[in-house]
């Protein structure tokens, strides 16, 4: 089945169809076509009846509304003018805006596209290195799957014993620390290689107090949005689904208050939400069919027995699992990796004396690399689509390599200091 899966992917077929098709072929090869009836029941029972997944289209809709409001553009413009005469200032502005975007959207394609359109050409025009420019935009834009509210964390919660609130709280600190690591790397590069991140004189003369006032005013709507979503969820006032509805409603209110609402943009937001949600749901259904057949025909049990039979120390076993996730990230997107690996890994982890929340968040950090590692790094594709022809594909790949290294450093930090994951959930949810 895994051979057929890789063959279908390398032939260029959509992941959802490859997963579902492999499941059907797997039952025929095993001579058990009746298994498909059980798989269909599982799809209707475990996927289409899973109310936690309703949060996904609502968060996608919220991200689109926020993009339509134009808040990000104004914030980046004010940060750009404030930090333009600082070495690496524009790259730092990209990192900080991306952290804020991650806490309000959680949609990687949207974050990278927005930051690419706003920052890519200005940074290149001001003499920034193409590798640093593309690397910082691609890596910072991927923070959305780690910093809550994250669609990936919602999906992980729905397929594990953990709650969405626990996962959001556990991933918050590692996500923000990783963003700060990116900022530190930019500062180091700007000191060691000033030619890659020059200081530039601002093209508009606006006083610092005026810029600070402009930034504060533009930062209020997203901060209210973050407080509305994460505040209600982490405080236990709302479930993940209810918090996503609050976020969508607040984002629509921001669009209306900023006088950016039009029926055509509203229709476009609904259309994009439907398309993105359908794509994710198709992958979930295909992966459910794949793992269902893999489980029923004995593959899941056999794989778990092989892993148990290795008789490794727990830390070596976790390292091996993370290595597998890292390698899979070069070929699959996070949805497929989560849905294929969770049924195999989670039961084994639960048998060991290992904090399940820590393990899932560690895996979330590793999955940051799945957007950046060639040949199928989606962030590379998004950036290639909007980058000018003067920026080579090799520049983009070279640009993300240091940030992949920083992500792996963050994985080591989370492994060595589990408190980065467990402190906030323990503080919020321990009586």
Protein backbone atom coordinates (compact mmCIF):
# COMPACT_ATOMS: atom_id res chain seq x y z
CA UNK A 1 0.00 0.00 0.00
CA UNK A 2 2.81 2.45 0.80
CA UNK A 3 4.46 1.54 -2.51
CA UNK A 4 1.25 2.34 -4.38
CA UNK A 5 0.91 5.57 -2.37
CA UNK A 6 4.39 6.79 -3.34
CA UNK A 7 3.89 5.71 -6.96
CA UNK A 8 0.63 7.68 -7.22
CA UNK A 9 2.22 10.79 -5.66
CA UNK A 10 5.25 10.72 -7.96
CA UNK A 11 2.89 10.38 -10.93
CA UNK A 12 1.40 13.73 -9.87
CA UNK A 13 -2.08 12.65 -8.77
CA UNK A 14 -3.89 14.52 -5.93
CA UNK A 15 -3.13 13.15 -2.45
CA UNK A 16 -6.81 12.57 -1.56
CA UNK A 17 -7.41 10.47 -4.67
CA UNK A 18 -4.15 8.53 -4.22
CA UNK A 19 -5.04 7.68 -0.61
CA UNK A 20 -8.60 6.60 -1.46
CA UNK A 21 -7.54 4.73 -4.61
CA UNK A 22 -4.79 2.90 -2.75
CA UNK A 23 -7.35 1.85 -0.12
CA UNK A 24 -9.61 0.33 -2.80
CA UNK A 25 -6.68 -1.42 -4.53
CA UNK A 26 -5.44 -2.65 -1.13
CA UNK A 27 -8.73 -4.43 -0.42
CA UNK A 28 -8.66 -6.07 -3.87
CA UNK A 29 -5.03 -7.19 -3.49
CA UNK A 30 -5.81 -8.60 -0.03
CA UNK A 31 -8.90 -10.34 -1.43
CA UNK A 32 -11.19 -8.62 1.10
CA UNK A 33 -13.46 -6.22 -0.84
CA UNK A 34 -16.07 -6.49 1.94
CA UNK A 35 -13.73 -4.32 4.08
CA UNK A 36 -14.86 -1.29 2.05
CA UNK A 37 -18.27 -1.44 3.75
CA UNK A 38 -16.60 -1.10 7.16
CA UNK A 39 -14.46 1.76 5.83
CA UNK A 40 -17.53 3.63 4.56
CA UNK A 41 -19.17 3.28 7.99
CA UNK A 42 -15.99 4.63 9.58
CA UNK A 43 -15.97 7.64 7.23
CA UNK A 44 -19.55 8.53 8.10
CA UNK A 45 -19.05 7.84 11.81
CA UNK A 46 -15.57 9.22 12.50
CA UNK A 47 -15.22 12.01 9.90
CA UNK A 48 -18.57 13.40 8.78
CA UNK A 49 -19.99 13.18 12.32
CA UNK A 50 -16.97 14.85 13.94
CA UNK A 51 -18.18 18.26 15.13
CA UNK A 52 -14.66 19.44 16.03
CA UNK A 53 -13.87 19.56 12.31
CA UNK A 54 -16.50 22.29 11.85
CA UNK A 55 -13.88 24.69 13.25
CA UNK A 56 -11.77 24.22 10.11
CA UNK A 57 -14.06 25.99 7.57
CA UNK A 58 -14.85 28.70 10.13
CA UNK A 59 -11.17 29.47 10.72
CA UNK A 60 -10.56 29.44 6.95
CA UNK A 61 -13.42 31.93 6.54
CA UNK A 62 -12.00 34.09 9.35
CA UNK A 63 -8.60 34.15 7.64
CA UNK A 64 -10.15 35.30 4.35
CA UNK A 65 -12.18 38.04 6.06
CA UNK A 66 -9.06 39.30 7.84
CA UNK A 67 -7.16 39.33 4.54
CA UNK A 68 -9.98 41.35 2.94
CA UNK A 69 -9.92 43.89 5.79
CA UNK A 70 -6.43 45.14 4.83
CA UNK A 71 -5.28 45.29 8.47
CA UNK A 72 -2.04 43.43 7.72
CA UNK A 73 -1.04 45.81 4.92
CA UNK A 74 -1.25 48.86 7.19
CA UNK A 75 0.61 47.15 10.03
CA UNK A 76 3.44 46.05 7.75
CA UNK A 77 3.67 49.52 6.21
CA UNK A 78 4.04 51.18 9.61
CA UNK A 79 6.59 48.57 10.80
CA UNK A 80 8.49 48.93 7.51
CA UNK A 81 8.79 52.69 7.95
CA UNK A 82 9.76 52.35 11.63
CA UNK A 83 12.47 49.73 11.09
CA UNK A 84 13.73 50.55 7.59
CA UNK A 85 16.88 52.29 8.81
CA UNK A 86 17.78 49.31 11.05
CA UNK A 87 19.94 46.56 9.55
CA UNK A 88 17.61 43.68 8.69
CA UNK A 89 14.63 45.83 9.72
CA UNK A 90 12.38 44.79 6.83
CA UNK A 91 13.09 41.08 7.45
CA UNK A 92 12.31 41.59 11.16
CA UNK A 93 9.05 43.30 10.20
CA UNK A 94 8.16 40.21 8.11
CA UNK A 95 8.81 37.92 11.10
CA UNK A 96 6.75 39.98 13.57
CA UNK A 97 3.81 40.47 11.20
CA UNK A 98 3.92 36.75 10.35
CA UNK A 99 3.69 35.84 14.06
CA UNK A 100 0.61 38.04 14.36
CA UNK A 101 -0.82 36.60 11.14
CA UNK A 102 -0.22 33.09 12.46
CA UNK A 103 -2.25 33.91 15.58
CA UNK A 104 -5.17 35.14 13.48
CA UNK A 105 -5.27 33.00 10.34
CA UNK A 106 -3.52 29.63 10.55
CA UNK A 107 -3.68 29.31 6.74
CA UNK A 108 -0.17 28.84 5.32
CA UNK A 109 -1.01 29.70 1.72
CA UNK A 110 -2.73 32.93 2.81
CA UNK A 111 0.11 34.02 5.13
CA UNK A 112 2.89 33.40 2.59
CA UNK A 113 0.95 34.99 -0.26
CA UNK A 114 0.06 38.10 1.77
CA UNK A 115 3.61 38.58 3.08
CA UNK A 116 5.10 37.77 -0.34
CA UNK A 117 2.96 40.36 -2.11
CA UNK A 118 3.67 43.02 0.53
CA UNK A 119 7.34 42.40 1.33
CA UNK A 120 9.09 40.48 -1.47
CA UNK A 121 9.57 43.24 -4.05
CA UNK A 122 10.35 46.05 -1.54
CA UNK A 123 13.04 43.91 0.15
CA UNK A 124 14.65 43.02 -3.18
CA UNK A 125 14.50 46.68 -4.31
CA UNK A 126 16.24 47.80 -1.11
CA UNK A 127 19.12 45.37 -1.74
CA UNK A 128 18.20 42.42 0.46
CA UNK A 129 19.64 39.07 -0.58
CA UNK A 130 17.13 36.93 -2.55
CA UNK A 131 17.99 33.92 -0.36
CA UNK A 132 17.34 35.76 2.94
CA UNK A 133 14.23 37.46 1.53
CA UNK A 134 12.56 34.30 0.28
CA UNK A 135 13.73 32.22 3.26
CA UNK A 136 12.33 34.54 5.92
CA UNK A 137 8.98 34.98 4.09
CA UNK A 138 8.53 31.22 3.51
CA UNK A 139 9.57 30.13 7.02
CA UNK A 140 7.70 32.87 8.89
CA UNK A 141 4.57 32.22 6.84
CA UNK A 142 4.55 28.58 8.02
CA UNK A 143 4.20 29.54 11.69
CA UNK A 144 0.43 29.43 11.22
CA UNK A 145 0.25 25.65 11.59
CA UNK A 146 1.99 25.83 14.99
CA UNK A 147 0.79 29.05 16.63
CA UNK A 148 -2.92 28.77 17.60
CA UNK A 149 -5.54 28.90 16.22
CA UNK A 150 -4.12 26.22 13.93
CA UNK A 151 -6.11 23.98 11.61
CA UNK A 152 -3.45 21.29 12.02
CA UNK A 153 -3.82 21.29 15.81
CA UNK A 154 -7.61 21.03 15.47
CA UNK A 155 -7.24 17.98 13.22
CA UNK A 156 -4.67 16.46 15.61
CA UNK A 157 -7.02 16.96 18.56
CA UNK A 158 -9.91 15.30 16.71
CA UNK A 159 -7.76 12.17 16.12
CA UNK A 160 -6.21 11.97 19.60
CA UNK A 161 -7.43 11.88 23.22
CA UNK A 162 -6.27 15.51 23.68
CA UNK A 163 -8.58 18.52 23.63
CA UNK A 164 -8.14 21.44 21.24
CA UNK A 165 -7.59 23.78 24.20
CA UNK A 166 -4.75 21.64 25.56
CA UNK A 167 -3.04 21.48 22.20
CA UNK A 168 -3.45 25.21 21.59
CA UNK A 169 -1.93 25.97 25.00
CA UNK A 170 0.88 23.44 24.52
CA UNK A 171 1.89 24.77 21.10
CA UNK A 172 1.71 28.47 22.00
CA UNK A 173 5.14 28.85 23.64
CA UNK A 174 7.14 26.71 21.14
CA UNK A 175 5.46 28.56 18.24
CA UNK A 176 6.31 32.03 19.56
CA UNK A 177 9.86 30.98 20.56
CA UNK A 178 10.42 29.59 17.05
CA UNK A 179 9.29 32.92 15.57
CA UNK A 180 11.73 34.74 17.88
CA UNK A 181 14.50 32.35 16.77
CA UNK A 182 13.84 33.47 13.20
CA UNK A 183 14.19 37.10 14.32
CA UNK A 184 17.49 36.35 16.10
CA UNK A 185 18.80 34.62 12.96
CA UNK A 186 17.91 37.68 10.86
CA UNK A 187 19.81 39.93 13.31
CA UNK A 188 22.85 37.63 13.22
CA UNK A 189 22.87 37.62 9.40
CA UNK A 190 22.51 41.41 9.28
CA UNK A 191 25.56 41.78 11.55
CA UNK A 192 27.76 39.11 9.95
CA UNK A 193 26.69 39.80 6.35
CA UNK A 194 25.42 43.42 6.21
CA UNK A 195 25.29 43.20 2.40
CA UNK A 196 22.48 40.62 2.69
CA UNK A 197 20.29 42.80 4.95
CA UNK A 198 21.18 46.48 4.52
CA UNK A 199 19.79 49.45 6.38
CA UNK A 200 17.79 51.78 4.14
CA UNK A 201 16.53 55.29 4.57
CA UNK A 202 12.72 55.41 4.81
CA UNK A 203 11.10 56.77 1.67
CA UNK A 204 8.52 58.64 3.72
CA UNK A 205 9.36 61.04 6.52
CA UNK A 206 6.90 60.31 9.31
CA UNK A 207 7.67 60.97 12.97
CA UNK A 208 8.21 58.02 15.29
CA UNK A 209 5.26 58.98 17.57
CA UNK A 210 2.97 59.10 14.51
CA UNK A 211 4.20 55.70 13.36
CA UNK A 212 3.74 54.21 16.83
CA UNK A 213 0.22 55.62 16.99
CA UNK A 214 -0.55 54.22 13.52
CA UNK A 215 0.83 50.80 14.51
CA UNK A 216 -1.14 50.75 17.77
CA UNK A 217 -4.39 51.63 15.98
CA UNK A 218 -3.89 48.98 13.29
CA UNK A 219 -2.85 46.33 15.86
CA UNK A 220 -6.07 46.67 17.88
CA UNK A 221 -8.41 44.70 15.55
CA UNK A 222 -6.17 41.58 15.27
CA UNK A 223 -5.43 41.68 19.00
CA UNK A 224 -9.16 41.79 19.76
CA UNK A 225 -9.59 38.86 17.37
CA UNK A 226 -6.83 36.85 19.09
CA UNK A 227 -8.30 37.64 22.52
CA UNK A 228 -11.78 36.65 21.35
CA UNK A 229 -10.64 33.29 19.96
CA UNK A 230 -7.87 32.13 22.28
CA UNK A 231 -9.25 33.91 25.34
CA UNK A 232 -12.66 32.25 25.10
CA UNK A 233 -11.12 28.86 24.27
CA UNK A 234 -8.32 28.76 26.86
CA UNK A 235 -10.58 30.16 29.56
CA UNK A 236 -13.01 27.31 28.97
CA UNK A 237 -15.84 29.65 27.97
CA UNK A 238 -16.15 28.23 24.45
CA UNK A 239 -15.35 25.01 22.63
CA UNK A 240 -13.07 25.02 19.58
CA UNK A 241 -16.07 25.13 17.26
CA UNK A 242 -17.68 28.01 19.17
CA UNK A 243 -14.36 29.90 19.33
CA UNK A 244 -13.97 29.54 15.55
CA UNK A 245 -17.46 30.99 15.09
CA UNK A 246 -16.53 33.90 17.36
CA UNK A 247 -13.40 34.47 15.26
CA UNK A 248 -15.31 34.43 11.96
CA UNK A 249 -17.92 36.86 13.33
CA UNK A 250 -15.26 39.26 14.71
CA UNK A 251 -13.29 39.14 11.44
CA UNK A 252 -16.45 39.99 9.46
CA UNK A 253 -17.10 42.86 11.89
CA UNK A 254 -13.54 44.17 11.28
CA UNK A 255 -14.16 44.09 7.51
CA UNK A 256 -17.42 46.04 7.93
CA UNK A 257 -15.92 48.60 10.36
CA UNK A 258 -13.02 49.25 7.98
CA UNK A 259 -15.54 49.77 5.14
CA UNK A 260 -14.02 47.00 3.05
CA UNK A 261 -17.17 44.88 2.84
CA UNK A 262 -18.61 44.17 -0.61
CA UNK A 263 -20.95 41.42 -1.69
CA UNK A 264 -18.47 40.27 -4.34
CA UNK A 265 -15.67 39.86 -1.76
CA UNK A 266 -18.11 38.14 0.61
CA UNK A 267 -19.07 35.69 -2.15
CA UNK A 268 -15.36 35.16 -2.94
CA UNK A 269 -14.63 34.44 0.73
CA UNK A 270 -17.43 31.85 0.86
CA UNK A 271 -16.22 30.25 -2.38
CA UNK A 272 -12.59 30.03 -1.21
CA UNK A 273 -13.68 28.66 2.18
CA UNK A 274 -15.75 25.95 0.49
CA UNK A 275 -12.90 25.03 -1.84
CA UNK A 276 -10.24 24.87 0.90
CA UNK A 277 -12.50 22.99 3.35
CA UNK A 278 -13.49 20.48 0.66
CA UNK A 279 -9.82 19.88 -0.20
CA UNK A 280 -8.96 19.19 3.46
CA UNK A 281 -12.04 16.99 3.96
CA UNK A 282 -11.28 14.96 0.83
CA UNK A 283 -7.78 14.27 2.19
CA UNK A 284 -9.24 13.31 5.59
CA UNK A 285 -11.70 10.91 3.93
CA UNK A 286 -8.98 9.39 1.71
CA UNK A 287 -6.62 8.98 4.67
CA UNK A 288 -9.41 7.46 6.79
CA UNK A 289 -10.05 4.92 4.03
CA UNK A 290 -6.32 4.19 3.71
CA UNK A 291 -5.69 3.69 7.45
CA UNK A 292 -8.97 1.75 7.79
CA UNK A 293 -7.95 -0.79 5.15
CA UNK A 294 -4.36 -0.82 6.45
CA UNK A 295 -5.68 -1.56 9.95
CA UNK A 296 -8.31 -4.16 9.08
CA UNK A 297 -6.02 -6.13 6.77
CA UNK A 298 -3.39 -6.39 9.55
CA UNK A 299 -0.87 -3.81 8.35
CA UNK A 300 -1.29 -1.50 11.35
CA UNK A 301 -0.82 -4.30 13.89
CA UNK A 302 2.20 -5.66 12.01
CA UNK A 303 3.84 -2.21 11.83
CA UNK A 304 3.29 -1.60 15.56
CA UNK A 305 4.71 -5.03 16.41
CA UNK A 306 7.82 -4.29 14.32
CA UNK A 307 8.33 -0.99 16.17
CA UNK A 308 7.79 -2.67 19.57
CA UNK A 309 10.16 -5.47 18.55
CA UNK A 310 12.99 -2.98 18.03
CA UNK A 311 13.28 -2.85 21.85
CA UNK A 312 14.70 0.68 21.78
CA UNK A 313 15.02 3.16 24.59
CA UNK A 314 12.01 5.54 24.59
CA UNK A 315 14.12 8.53 23.50
CA UNK A 316 15.53 6.55 20.56
CA UNK A 317 12.04 5.44 19.55
CA UNK A 318 10.75 9.02 19.65
CA UNK A 319 13.78 10.16 17.62
CA UNK A 320 13.06 7.48 15.01
CA UNK A 321 9.39 8.54 14.81
CA UNK A 322 10.35 12.19 14.35
CA UNK A 323 12.85 11.23 11.66
CA UNK A 324 10.11 9.32 9.82
CA UNK A 325 7.83 12.38 10.07
CA UNK A 326 10.64 14.61 8.76
CA UNK A 327 11.27 12.32 5.75
CA UNK A 328 7.53 12.02 5.01
CA UNK A 329 7.38 15.84 5.06
CA UNK A 330 9.46 15.93 1.88
CA UNK A 331 6.74 14.01 0.02
CA UNK A 332 3.37 14.53 1.79
CA UNK A 333 1.56 17.51 3.28
CA UNK A 334 0.84 17.67 7.02
CA UNK A 335 -2.72 16.36 6.65
CA UNK A 336 -1.61 13.07 5.14
CA UNK A 337 1.28 12.68 7.60
CA UNK A 338 -0.94 13.23 10.66
CA UNK A 339 -3.68 10.89 9.49
CA UNK A 340 -1.24 8.15 8.44
CA UNK A 341 1.13 8.30 11.43
CA UNK A 342 -1.25 8.93 14.35
CA UNK A 343 -2.88 5.45 14.26
CA UNK A 344 0.59 3.84 14.32
CA UNK A 345 2.48 6.14 16.71
CA UNK A 346 -0.06 7.22 19.36
CA UNK A 347 -0.89 3.75 20.78
CA UNK A 348 2.84 3.01 21.15
CA UNK A 349 3.53 6.37 22.82
CA UNK A 350 0.61 5.85 25.22
CA UNK A 351 2.12 2.51 26.31
CA UNK A 352 5.32 4.30 27.34
CA UNK A 353 5.71 6.73 30.21
CA UNK A 354 5.65 9.71 27.86
CA UNK A 355 3.49 12.83 28.00
CA UNK A 356 1.18 12.56 24.98
CA UNK A 357 0.71 16.35 24.74
CA UNK A 358 4.50 16.82 24.60
CA UNK A 359 4.80 14.18 21.86
CA UNK A 360 2.07 15.69 19.68
CA UNK A 361 3.47 19.25 20.00
CA UNK A 362 6.99 17.95 19.23
CA UNK A 363 5.56 16.33 16.10
CA UNK A 364 3.85 19.65 15.25
CA UNK A 365 7.21 21.44 15.39
CA UNK A 366 8.80 18.81 13.12
CA UNK A 367 5.88 19.22 10.68
CA UNK A 368 6.92 22.85 10.16
CA UNK A 369 9.61 21.41 7.90
CA UNK A 370 7.03 19.68 5.66
CA UNK A 371 6.27 23.05 4.03
CA UNK A 372 9.93 23.88 3.42
CA UNK A 373 11.66 20.64 2.41
CA UNK A 374 11.97 19.98 -1.33
CA UNK A 375 10.78 18.41 -3.58
CA UNK A 376 7.17 18.89 -2.35
CA UNK A 377 7.49 21.86 0.04
CA UNK A 378 4.25 23.78 -0.46
CA UNK A 379 5.75 27.06 0.83
CA UNK A 380 8.32 26.84 -1.97
CA UNK A 381 5.52 26.52 -4.54
CA UNK A 382 3.52 29.42 -3.07
CA UNK A 383 6.58 31.67 -3.11
CA UNK A 384 7.66 30.59 -6.59
CA UNK A 385 4.22 31.57 -7.88
CA UNK A 386 4.51 35.19 -6.69
CA UNK A 387 8.29 35.77 -6.92
CA UNK A 388 9.67 37.73 -9.89
CA UNK A 389 11.62 35.87 -12.56
CA UNK A 390 14.87 37.40 -11.27
CA UNK A 391 14.53 35.19 -8.16
CA UNK A 392 15.65 31.67 -9.03
CA UNK A 393 14.10 28.53 -7.57
CA UNK A 394 17.56 27.63 -6.20
CA UNK A 395 17.53 30.96 -4.27
CA UNK A 396 14.27 29.96 -2.60
CA UNK A 397 15.56 26.49 -1.68
CA UNK A 398 18.88 27.88 -0.35
CA UNK A 399 16.95 30.54 1.55
CA UNK A 400 14.84 28.06 3.55
CA UNK A 401 17.73 25.74 4.52
CA UNK A 402 18.91 27.81 7.56
CA UNK A 403 15.32 28.02 8.79
CA UNK A 404 14.92 24.23 8.52
CA UNK A 405 18.01 24.08 10.74
CA UNK A 406 16.35 26.46 13.24
CA UNK A 407 13.22 24.28 13.29
CA UNK A 408 15.35 21.22 14.09
CA UNK A 409 17.07 23.24 16.86
CA UNK A 410 13.62 24.03 18.25
CA UNK A 411 12.78 20.31 18.17
CA UNK A 412 15.87 19.59 20.27
CA UNK A 413 14.90 22.39 22.69
CA UNK A 414 11.36 20.97 23.08
CA UNK A 415 12.83 17.48 23.61
CA UNK A 416 15.30 18.69 26.26
CA UNK A 417 12.90 21.12 27.97
CA UNK A 418 9.37 19.62 27.96
CA UNK A 419 8.26 22.54 30.14
CA UNK A 420 8.11 24.64 26.96
CA UNK A 421 5.04 22.54 26.09
CA UNK A 422 3.61 21.54 29.47
CA UNK A 423 3.93 24.78 31.47
CA UNK A 424 1.05 26.78 29.93
CA UNK A 425 -1.51 23.90 29.86
CA UNK A 426 -0.61 23.02 33.46
CA UNK A 427 -1.04 26.67 34.48
CA UNK A 428 -4.40 27.05 32.73
CA UNK A 429 -6.01 23.69 33.39
CA UNK A 430 -4.66 22.55 36.79
CA UNK A 431 -6.93 23.44 39.67
